[in-house]
Amino acid sequence: MKVDHDTLQKIAHLARLDVRPEEEAALLDSLNEVLTWMEQLNELDTTGVEPLTHISDEQNVMRDDVVGRHLPREQALSNAPQQDGTFFQVPKVLE
């Protein structure tokens, strides 16, 4: 797979990146290099290899969910750039 100018612009838009024209060539080369490397991984024989879901056997230690003191809603929303009195308001990301 090759990344072209249009694909790069779409990825940059989705990632909210400002890619300057002078950076495009180097970024295209880097992305295509990574994709070429990923394609090489597809050539490996992984027969009999168990898929990993985690890199180690460590278990996350969870604490009990205990009701305690909390920040009043008004105070939590006091510095919000946008809010409606109940919730934080954020720009729409998905269409």
PDB file of N, CA and C in Angstrom:
ATOM      1  N   MET A   1       0.847  -1.177   0.000  1.00  0.00           N
ATOM      2  CA  MET A   1       0.000   0.000   0.000  1.00  0.00           C
ATOM      3  C   MET A   1       0.892   1.239   0.000  1.00  0.00           C
ATOM      4  N   LYS A   2       0.541   2.188  -0.801  1.00  0.00           N
ATOM      5  CA  LYS A   2       1.274   3.443  -0.875  1.00  0.00           C
ATOM      6  C   LYS A   2       0.368   4.575  -0.394  1.00  0.00           C
ATOM      7  N   VAL A   3       0.941   5.475   0.385  1.00  0.00           N
ATOM      8  CA  VAL A   3       0.220   6.658   0.835  1.00  0.00           C
ATOM      9  C   VAL A   3       0.513   7.774  -0.154  1.00  0.00           C
ATOM     10  N   ASP A   4      -0.546   8.377  -0.722  1.00  0.00           N
ATOM     11  CA  ASP A   4      -0.350   9.488  -1.640  1.00  0.00           C
ATOM     12  C   ASP A   4      -0.738  10.805  -0.965  1.00  0.00           C
ATOM     13  N   HIS A   5      -0.643  11.884  -1.699  1.00  0.00           N
ATOM     14  CA  HIS A   5      -0.909  13.221  -1.162  1.00  0.00           C
ATOM     15  C   HIS A   5      -2.315  13.320  -0.565  1.00  0.00           C
ATOM     16  N   ASP A   6      -3.330  12.818  -1.302  1.00  0.00           N
ATOM     17  CA  ASP A   6      -4.718  12.914  -0.828  1.00  0.00           C
ATOM     18  C   ASP A   6      -4.923  12.108   0.455  1.00  0.00           C
ATOM     19  N   THR A   7      -4.353  10.912   0.507  1.00  0.00           N
ATOM     20  CA  THR A   7      -4.478  10.084   1.711  1.00  0.00           C
ATOM     21  C   THR A   7      -3.791  10.749   2.892  1.00  0.00           C
ATOM     22  N   LEU A   8      -2.633  11.328   2.665  1.00  0.00           N
ATOM     23  CA  LEU A   8      -1.919  12.038   3.722  1.00  0.00           C
ATOM     24  C   LEU A   8      -2.764  13.194   4.262  1.00  0.00           C
ATOM     25  N   GLN A   9      -3.390  13.947   3.373  1.00  0.00           N
ATOM     26  CA  GLN A   9      -4.233  15.068   3.802  1.00  0.00           C
ATOM     27  C   GLN A   9      -5.434  14.583   4.613  1.00  0.00           C
ATOM     28  N   LYS A  10      -6.021  13.458   4.204  1.00  0.00           N
ATOM     29  CA  LYS A  10      -7.163  12.910   4.938  1.00  0.00           C
ATOM     30  C   LYS A  10      -6.734  12.446   6.327  1.00  0.00           C
ATOM     31  N   ILE A  11      -5.599  11.751   6.416  1.00  0.00           N
ATOM     32  CA  ILE A  11      -5.081  11.294   7.712  1.00  0.00           C
ATOM     33  C   ILE A  11      -4.766  12.491   8.606  1.00  0.00           C
ATOM     34  N   ALA A  12      -4.144  13.507   8.029  1.00  0.00           N
ATOM     35  CA  ALA A  12      -3.805  14.712   8.794  1.00  0.00           C
ATOM     36  C   ALA A  12      -5.068  15.386   9.312  1.00  0.00           C
ATOM     37  N   HIS A  13      -6.102  15.444   8.489  1.00  0.00           N
ATOM     38  CA  HIS A  13      -7.369  16.048   8.921  1.00  0.00           C
ATOM     39  C   HIS A  13      -7.985  15.246  10.068  1.00  0.00           C
ATOM     40  N   LEU A  14      -8.024  13.932   9.929  1.00  0.00           N
ATOM     41  CA  LEU A  14      -8.617  13.086  10.972  1.00  0.00           C
ATOM     42  C   LEU A  14      -7.839  13.161  12.281  1.00  0.00           C
ATOM     43  N   ALA A  15      -6.512  13.297  12.174  1.00  0.00           N
ATOM     44  CA  ALA A  15      -5.662  13.370  13.361  1.00  0.00           C
ATOM     45  C   ALA A  15      -5.512  14.810  13.860  1.00  0.00           C
ATOM     46  N   ARG A  16      -6.187  15.729  13.173  1.00  0.00           N
ATOM     47  CA  ARG A  16      -6.115  17.153  13.536  1.00  0.00           C
ATOM     48  C   ARG A  16      -4.665  17.657  13.528  1.00  0.00           C
ATOM     49  N   LEU A  17      -3.912  17.268  12.482  1.00  0.00           N
ATOM     50  CA  LEU A  17      -2.530  17.701  12.329  1.00  0.00           C
ATOM     51  C   LEU A  17      -2.441  18.771  11.256  1.00  0.00           C
ATOM     52  N   ASP A  18      -1.585  19.738  11.469  1.00  0.00           N
ATOM     53  CA  ASP A  18      -1.330  20.770  10.476  1.00  0.00           C
ATOM     54  C   ASP A  18      -0.029  20.411   9.769  1.00  0.00           C
ATOM     55  N   VAL A  19      -0.153  19.810   8.595  1.00  0.00           N
ATOM     56  CA  VAL A  19       1.021  19.390   7.834  1.00  0.00           C
ATOM     57  C   VAL A  19       1.351  20.498   6.832  1.00  0.00           C
ATOM     58  N   ARG A  20       2.514  21.094   6.997  1.00  0.00           N
ATOM     59  CA  ARG A  20       2.952  22.148   6.082  1.00  0.00           C
ATOM     60  C   ARG A  20       3.459  21.518   4.790  1.00  0.00           C
ATOM     61  N   PRO A  21       3.324  22.232   3.674  1.00  0.00           N
ATOM     62  CA  PRO A  21       3.752  21.672   2.370  1.00  0.00           C
ATOM     63  C   PRO A  21       5.208  21.214   2.356  1.00  0.00           C
ATOM     64  N   GLU A  22       6.082  21.922   3.057  1.00  0.00           N
ATOM     65  CA  GLU A  22       7.498  21.533   3.056  1.00  0.00           C
ATOM     66  C   GLU A  22       7.747  20.257   3.867  1.00  0.00           C
ATOM     67  N   GLU A  23       6.784  19.833   4.680  1.00  0.00           N
ATOM     68  CA  GLU A  23       6.928  18.610   5.480  1.00  0.00           C
ATOM     69  C   GLU A  23       6.346  17.381   4.785  1.00  0.00           C
ATOM     70  N   GLU A  24       5.539  17.621   3.758  1.00  0.00           N
ATOM     71  CA  GLU A  24       4.793  16.527   3.126  1.00  0.00           C
ATOM     72  C   GLU A  24       5.691  15.425   2.574  1.00  0.00           C
ATOM     73  N   ALA A  25       6.720  15.781   1.838  1.00  0.00           N
ATOM     74  CA  ALA A  25       7.571  14.766   1.188  1.00  0.00           C
ATOM     75  C   ALA A  25       8.210  13.854   2.223  1.00  0.00           C
ATOM     76  N   ALA A  26       8.750  14.426   3.293  1.00  0.00           N
ATOM     77  CA  ALA A  26       9.402  13.615   4.331  1.00  0.00           C
ATOM     78  C   ALA A  26       8.374  12.739   5.042  1.00  0.00           C
ATOM     79  N   LEU A  27       7.197  13.274   5.293  1.00  0.00           N
ATOM     80  CA  LEU A  27       6.154  12.507   5.968  1.00  0.00           C
ATOM     81  C   LEU A  27       5.646  11.363   5.092  1.00  0.00           C
ATOM     82  N   LEU A  28       5.474  11.641   3.811  1.00  0.00           N
ATOM     83  CA  LEU A  28       5.064  10.583   2.879  1.00  0.00           C
ATOM     84  C   LEU A  28       6.093   9.466   2.841  1.00  0.00           C
ATOM     85  N   ASP A  29       7.377   9.832   2.781  1.00  0.00           N
ATOM     86  CA  ASP A  29       8.438   8.819   2.769  1.00  0.00           C
ATOM     87  C   ASP A  29       8.402   7.976   4.039  1.00  0.00           C
ATOM     88  N   SER A  30       8.226   8.628   5.187  1.00  0.00           N
ATOM     89  CA  SER A  30       8.186   7.909   6.465  1.00  0.00           C
ATOM     90  C   SER A  30       6.999   6.955   6.533  1.00  0.00           C
ATOM     91  N   LEU A  31       5.832   7.443   6.160  1.00  0.00           N
ATOM     92  CA  LEU A  31       4.635   6.588   6.211  1.00  0.00           C
ATOM     93  C   LEU A  31       4.776   5.397   5.270  1.00  0.00           C
ATOM     94  N   ASN A  32       5.272   5.630   4.071  1.00  0.00           N
ATOM     95  CA  ASN A  32       5.444   4.531   3.121  1.00  0.00           C
ATOM     96  C   ASN A  32       6.492   3.534   3.596  1.00  0.00           C
ATOM     97  N   GLU A  33       7.522   4.020   4.273  1.00  0.00           N
ATOM     98  CA  GLU A  33       8.546   3.131   4.830  1.00  0.00           C
ATOM     99  C   GLU A  33       7.947   2.236   5.921  1.00  0.00           C
ATOM    100  N   VAL A  34       7.123   2.811   6.777  1.00  0.00           N
ATOM    101  CA  VAL A  34       6.484   2.031   7.846  1.00  0.00           C
ATOM    102  C   VAL A  34       5.541   0.993   7.243  1.00  0.00           C
ATOM    103  N   LEU A  35       4.762   1.392   6.249  1.00  0.00           N
ATOM    104  CA  LEU A  35       3.827   0.446   5.627  1.00  0.00           C
ATOM    105  C   LEU A  35       4.561  -0.676   4.906  1.00  0.00           C
ATOM    106  N   THR A  36       5.688  -0.376   4.288  1.00  0.00           N
ATOM    107  CA  THR A  36       6.498  -1.411   3.638  1.00  0.00           C
ATOM    108  C   THR A  36       6.993  -2.405   4.682  1.00  0.00           C
ATOM    109  N   TRP A  37       7.448  -1.897   5.823  1.00  0.00           N
ATOM    110  CA  TRP A  37       7.905  -2.762   6.909  1.00  0.00           C
ATOM    111  C   TRP A  37       6.751  -3.639   7.417  1.00  0.00           C
ATOM    112  N   MET A  38       5.558  -3.058   7.546  1.00  0.00           N
ATOM    113  CA  MET A  38       4.405  -3.828   8.012  1.00  0.00           C
ATOM    114  C   MET A  38       4.049  -4.930   7.005  1.00  0.00           C
ATOM    115  N   GLU A  39       4.169  -4.641   5.719  1.00  0.00           N
ATOM    116  CA  GLU A  39       3.893  -5.652   4.700  1.00  0.00           C
ATOM    117  C   GLU A  39       4.883  -6.814   4.801  1.00  0.00           C
ATOM    118  N   GLN A  40       6.120  -6.533   5.188  1.00  0.00           N
ATOM    119  CA  GLN A  40       7.115  -7.591   5.365  1.00  0.00           C
ATOM    120  C   GLN A  40       6.706  -8.523   6.505  1.00  0.00           C
ATOM    121  N   LEU A  41       6.058  -7.975   7.529  1.00  0.00           N
ATOM    122  CA  LEU A  41       5.600  -8.806   8.649  1.00  0.00           C
ATOM    123  C   LEU A  41       4.536  -9.807   8.202  1.00  0.00           C
ATOM    124  N   ASN A  42       3.756  -9.453   7.178  1.00  0.00           N
ATOM    125  CA  ASN A  42       2.732 -10.367   6.660  1.00  0.00           C
ATOM    126  C   ASN A  42       3.340 -11.615   6.037  1.00  0.00           C
ATOM    127  N   GLU A  43       4.608 -11.562   5.672  1.00  0.00           N
ATOM    128  CA  GLU A  43       5.272 -12.702   5.043  1.00  0.00           C
ATOM    129  C   GLU A  43       5.734 -13.748   6.058  1.00  0.00           C
ATOM    130  N   LEU A  44       5.710 -13.418   7.335  1.00  0.00           N
ATOM    131  CA  LEU A  44       6.162 -14.350   8.369  1.00  0.00           C
ATOM    132  C   LEU A  44       5.177 -15.489   8.548  1.00  0.00           C
ATOM    133  N   ASP A  45       5.709 -16.680   8.779  1.00  0.00           N
ATOM    134  CA  ASP A  45       4.864 -17.840   9.061  1.00  0.00           C
ATOM    135  C   ASP A  45       4.550 -17.854  10.561  1.00  0.00           C
ATOM    136  N   THR A  46       3.306 -17.601  10.882  1.00  0.00           N
ATOM    137  CA  THR A  46       2.899 -17.544  12.293  1.00  0.00           C
ATOM    138  C   THR A  46       2.036 -18.746  12.676  1.00  0.00           C
ATOM    139  N   THR A  47       2.152 -19.816  11.918  1.00  0.00           N
ATOM    140  CA  THR A  47       1.400 -21.022  12.212  1.00  0.00           C
ATOM    141  C   THR A  47       1.766 -21.535  13.606  1.00  0.00           C
ATOM    142  N   GLY A  48       0.777 -21.770  14.435  1.00  0.00           N
ATOM    143  CA  GLY A  48       1.000 -22.302  15.772  1.00  0.00           C
ATOM    144  C   GLY A  48       1.397 -21.255  16.806  1.00  0.00           C
ATOM    145  N   VAL A  49       1.457 -20.005  16.417  1.00  0.00           N
ATOM    146  CA  VAL A  49       1.817 -18.942  17.368  1.00  0.00           C
ATOM    147  C   VAL A  49       0.532 -18.369  17.954  1.00  0.00           C
ATOM    148  N   GLU A  50       0.449 -18.430  19.279  1.00  0.00           N
ATOM    149  CA  GLU A  50      -0.738 -17.904  19.959  1.00  0.00           C
ATOM    150  C   GLU A  50      -0.747 -16.379  19.895  1.00  0.00           C
ATOM    151  N   PRO A  51      -1.895 -15.778  19.587  1.00  0.00           N
ATOM    152  CA  PRO A  51      -1.953 -14.318  19.587  1.00  0.00           C
ATOM    153  C   PRO A  51      -1.818 -13.764  21.001  1.00  0.00           C
ATOM    154  N   LEU A  52      -1.145 -12.632  21.119  1.00  0.00           N
ATOM    155  CA  LEU A  52      -0.976 -11.981  22.418  1.00  0.00           C
ATOM    156  C   LEU A  52      -2.041 -10.912  22.609  1.00  0.00           C
ATOM    157  N   THR A  53      -2.607 -10.880  23.787  1.00  0.00           N
ATOM    158  CA  THR A  53      -3.491  -9.767  24.128  1.00  0.00           C
ATOM    159  C   THR A  53      -2.774  -8.801  25.038  1.00  0.00           C
ATOM    160  N   HIS A  54      -1.771  -9.313  25.763  1.00  0.00           N
ATOM    161  CA  HIS A  54      -0.950  -8.485  26.645  1.00  0.00           C
ATOM    162  C   HIS A  54       0.500  -8.947  26.522  1.00  0.00           C
ATOM    163  N   ILE A  55       1.417  -8.038  26.727  1.00  0.00           N
ATOM    164  CA  ILE A  55       2.837  -8.366  26.588  1.00  0.00           C
ATOM    165  C   ILE A  55       3.352  -9.120  27.805  1.00  0.00           C
ATOM    166  N   SER A  56       2.680  -8.992  28.946  1.00  0.00           N
ATOM    167  CA  SER A  56       3.132  -9.676  30.162  1.00  0.00           C
ATOM    168  C   SER A  56       1.931 -10.290  30.875  1.00  0.00           C
ATOM    169  N   ASP A  57       2.223 -11.078  31.906  1.00  0.00           N
ATOM    170  CA  ASP A  57       1.159 -11.722  32.678  1.00  0.00           C
ATOM    171  C   ASP A  57       0.700 -10.886  33.860  1.00  0.00           C
ATOM    172  N   GLU A  58       1.156  -9.640  33.941  1.00  0.00           N
ATOM    173  CA  GLU A  58       0.790  -8.765  35.052  1.00  0.00           C
ATOM    174  C   GLU A  58      -0.725  -8.559  35.098  1.00  0.00           C
ATOM    175  N   GLN A  59      -1.244  -8.497  36.291  1.00  0.00           N
ATOM    176  CA  GLN A  59      -2.668  -8.233  36.485  1.00  0.00           C
ATOM    177  C   GLN A  59      -2.836  -6.848  37.095  1.00  0.00           C
ATOM    178  N   ASN A  60      -3.831  -6.129  36.619  1.00  0.00           N
ATOM    179  CA  ASN A  60      -4.104  -4.811  37.166  1.00  0.00           C
ATOM    180  C   ASN A  60      -4.772  -4.961  38.529  1.00  0.00           C
ATOM    181  N   VAL A  61      -4.278  -4.216  39.505  1.00  0.00           N
ATOM    182  CA  VAL A  61      -4.850  -4.273  40.844  1.00  0.00           C
ATOM    183  C   VAL A  61      -5.914  -3.194  40.934  1.00  0.00           C
ATOM    184  N   MET A  62      -7.128  -3.619  41.159  1.00  0.00           N
ATOM    185  CA  MET A  62      -8.244  -2.671  41.229  1.00  0.00           C
ATOM    186  C   MET A  62      -8.580  -2.381  42.683  1.00  0.00           C
ATOM    187  N   ARG A  63      -8.965  -1.146  42.924  1.00  0.00           N
ATOM    188  CA  ARG A  63      -9.403  -0.791  44.272  1.00  0.00           C
ATOM    189  C   ARG A  63     -10.928  -0.821  44.309  1.00  0.00           C
ATOM    190  N   ASP A  64     -11.477  -0.920  45.495  1.00  0.00           N
ATOM    191  CA  ASP A  64     -12.922  -0.894  45.646  1.00  0.00           C
ATOM    192  C   ASP A  64     -13.455   0.483  45.269  1.00  0.00           C
ATOM    193  N   ASP A  65     -14.620   0.502  44.653  1.00  0.00           N
ATOM    194  CA  ASP A  65     -15.270   1.755  44.285  1.00  0.00           C
ATOM    195  C   ASP A  65     -16.053   2.232  45.502  1.00  0.00           C
ATOM    196  N   VAL A  66     -15.514   3.232  46.195  1.00  0.00           N
ATOM    197  CA  VAL A  66     -16.106   3.698  47.440  1.00  0.00           C
ATOM    198  C   VAL A  66     -16.607   5.126  47.256  1.00  0.00           C
ATOM    199  N   VAL A  67     -17.814   5.387  47.710  1.00  0.00           N
ATOM    200  CA  VAL A  67     -18.368   6.734  47.650  1.00  0.00           C
ATOM    201  C   VAL A  67     -17.629   7.609  48.645  1.00  0.00           C
ATOM    202  N   GLY A  68     -17.241   8.794  48.207  1.00  0.00           N
ATOM    203  CA  GLY A  68     -16.526   9.710  49.093  1.00  0.00           C
ATOM    204  C   GLY A  68     -16.818  11.141  48.698  1.00  0.00           C
ATOM    205  N   ARG A  69     -15.967  12.035  49.163  1.00  0.00           N
ATOM    206  CA  ARG A  69     -16.133  13.439  48.818  1.00  0.00           C
ATOM    207  C   ARG A  69     -15.949  13.610  47.314  1.00  0.00           C
ATOM    208  N   HIS A  70     -16.696  14.512  46.747  1.00  0.00           N
ATOM    209  CA  HIS A  70     -16.550  14.782  45.330  1.00  0.00           C
ATOM    210  C   HIS A  70     -16.619  16.284  45.090  1.00  0.00           C
ATOM    211  N   LEU A  71     -16.201  16.684  43.923  1.00  0.00           N
ATOM    212  CA  LEU A  71     -16.195  18.080  43.535  1.00  0.00           C
ATOM    213  C   LEU A  71     -17.622  18.484  43.149  1.00  0.00           C
ATOM    214  N   PRO A  72     -18.136  19.571  43.717  1.00  0.00           N
ATOM    215  CA  PRO A  72     -19.484  20.015  43.318  1.00  0.00           C
ATOM    216  C   PRO A  72     -19.520  20.347  41.822  1.00  0.00           C
ATOM    217  N   ARG A  73     -20.631  20.052  41.181  1.00  0.00           N
ATOM    218  CA  ARG A  73     -20.781  20.256  39.737  1.00  0.00           C
ATOM    219  C   ARG A  73     -20.439  21.686  39.326  1.00  0.00           C
ATOM    220  N   GLU A  74     -20.935  22.656  40.063  1.00  0.00           N
ATOM    221  CA  GLU A  74     -20.688  24.055  39.714  1.00  0.00           C
ATOM    222  C   GLU A  74     -19.189  24.368  39.706  1.00  0.00           C
ATOM    223  N   GLN A  75     -18.477  23.841  40.685  1.00  0.00           N
ATOM    224  CA  GLN A  75     -17.036  24.078  40.771  1.00  0.00           C
ATOM    225  C   GLN A  75     -16.297  23.351  39.642  1.00  0.00           C
ATOM    226  N   ALA A  76     -16.739  22.146  39.328  1.00  0.00           N
ATOM    227  CA  ALA A  76     -16.095  21.379  38.256  1.00  0.00           C
ATOM    228  C   ALA A  76     -16.280  22.074  36.909  1.00  0.00           C
ATOM    229  N   LEU A  77     -17.438  22.677  36.686  1.00  0.00           N
ATOM    230  CA  LEU A  77     -17.725  23.320  35.409  1.00  0.00           C
ATOM    231  C   LEU A  77     -17.259  24.775  35.353  1.00  0.00           C
ATOM    232  N   SER A  78     -16.788  25.316  36.451  1.00  0.00           N
ATOM    233  CA  SER A  78     -16.488  26.749  36.522  1.00  0.00           C
ATOM    234  C   SER A  78     -15.422  27.201  35.532  1.00  0.00           C
ATOM    235  N   ASN A  79     -14.444  26.375  35.212  1.00  0.00           N
ATOM    236  CA  ASN A  79     -13.384  26.761  34.273  1.00  0.00           C
ATOM    237  C   ASN A  79     -13.549  26.133  32.892  1.00  0.00           C
ATOM    238  N   ALA A  80     -14.670  25.487  32.652  1.00  0.00           N
ATOM    239  CA  ALA A  80     -14.878  24.831  31.358  1.00  0.00           C
ATOM    240  C   ALA A  80     -15.043  25.877  30.261  1.00  0.00           C
ATOM    241  N   PRO A  81     -14.371  25.682  29.104  1.00  0.00           N
ATOM    242  CA  PRO A  81     -14.539  26.632  28.007  1.00  0.00           C
ATOM    243  C   PRO A  81     -15.982  26.679  27.511  1.00  0.00           C
ATOM    244  N   GLN A  82     -16.638  25.513  27.498  1.00  0.00           N
ATOM    245  CA  GLN A  82     -18.043  25.452  27.107  1.00  0.00           C
ATOM    246  C   GLN A  82     -18.739  24.443  28.004  1.00  0.00           C
ATOM    247  N   GLN A  83     -19.898  24.834  28.508  1.00  0.00           N
ATOM    248  CA  GLN A  83     -20.694  23.939  29.346  1.00  0.00           C
ATOM    249  C   GLN A  83     -22.124  24.436  29.316  1.00  0.00           C
ATOM    250  N   ASP A  84     -23.058  23.561  29.688  1.00  0.00           N
ATOM    251  CA  ASP A  84     -24.471  23.951  29.663  1.00  0.00           C
ATOM    252  C   ASP A  84     -25.090  23.965  31.056  1.00  0.00           C
ATOM    253  N   GLY A  85     -24.261  24.000  32.083  1.00  0.00           N
ATOM    254  CA  GLY A  85     -24.761  24.002  33.452  1.00  0.00           C
ATOM    255  C   GLY A  85     -24.808  22.612  34.050  1.00  0.00           C
ATOM    256  N   THR A  86     -24.807  21.587  33.209  1.00  0.00           N
ATOM    257  CA  THR A  86     -24.844  20.207  33.676  1.00  0.00           C
ATOM    258  C   THR A  86     -23.651  19.411  33.172  1.00  0.00           C
ATOM    259  N   PHE A  87     -23.282  19.635  31.894  1.00  0.00           N
ATOM    260  CA  PHE A  87     -22.239  18.843  31.257  1.00  0.00           C
ATOM    261  C   PHE A  87     -21.194  19.733  30.590  1.00  0.00           C
ATOM    262  N   PHE A  88     -19.986  19.179  30.405  1.00  0.00           N
ATOM    263  CA  PHE A  88     -18.984  19.824  29.568  1.00  0.00           C
ATOM    264  C   PHE A  88     -19.446  19.692  28.129  1.00  0.00           C
ATOM    265  N   GLN A  89     -19.244  20.705  27.325  1.00  0.00           N
ATOM    266  CA  GLN A  89     -19.559  20.619  25.908  1.00  0.00           C
ATOM    267  C   GLN A  89     -18.250  20.635  25.136  1.00  0.00           C
ATOM    268  N   VAL A  90     -18.141  19.693  24.201  1.00  0.00           N
ATOM    269  CA  VAL A  90     -16.926  19.565  23.392  1.00  0.00           C
ATOM    270  C   VAL A  90     -17.321  19.595  21.918  1.00  0.00           C
ATOM    271  N   PRO A  91     -16.397  19.994  21.027  1.00  0.00           N
ATOM    272  CA  PRO A  91     -16.704  20.005  19.607  1.00  0.00           C
ATOM    273  C   PRO A  91     -17.028  18.599  19.090  1.00  0.00           C
ATOM    274  N   LYS A  92     -17.927  18.518  18.155  1.00  0.00           N
ATOM    275  CA  LYS A  92     -18.297  17.242  17.547  1.00  0.00           C
ATOM    276  C   LYS A  92     -17.108  16.710  16.753  1.00  0.00           C
ATOM    277  N   VAL A  93     -16.754  15.446  16.966  1.00  0.00           N
ATOM    278  CA  VAL A  93     -15.619  14.847  16.271  1.00  0.00           C
ATOM    279  C   VAL A  93     -16.099  13.891  15.186  1.00  0.00           C
ATOM    280  N   LEU A  94     -17.112  13.101  15.479  1.00  0.00           N
ATOM    281  CA  LEU A  94     -17.637  12.136  14.512  1.00  0.00           C
ATOM    282  C   LEU A  94     -18.877  12.696  13.839  1.00  0.00           C
ATOM    283  N   GLU A  95     -19.008  12.390  12.577  1.00  0.00           N
ATOM    284  CA  GLU A  95     -20.183  12.879  11.855  1.00  0.00           C
ATOM    285  C   GLU A  95     -21.212  11.797  11.720  1.00  0.00           C
TER     286      GLU A  95
END
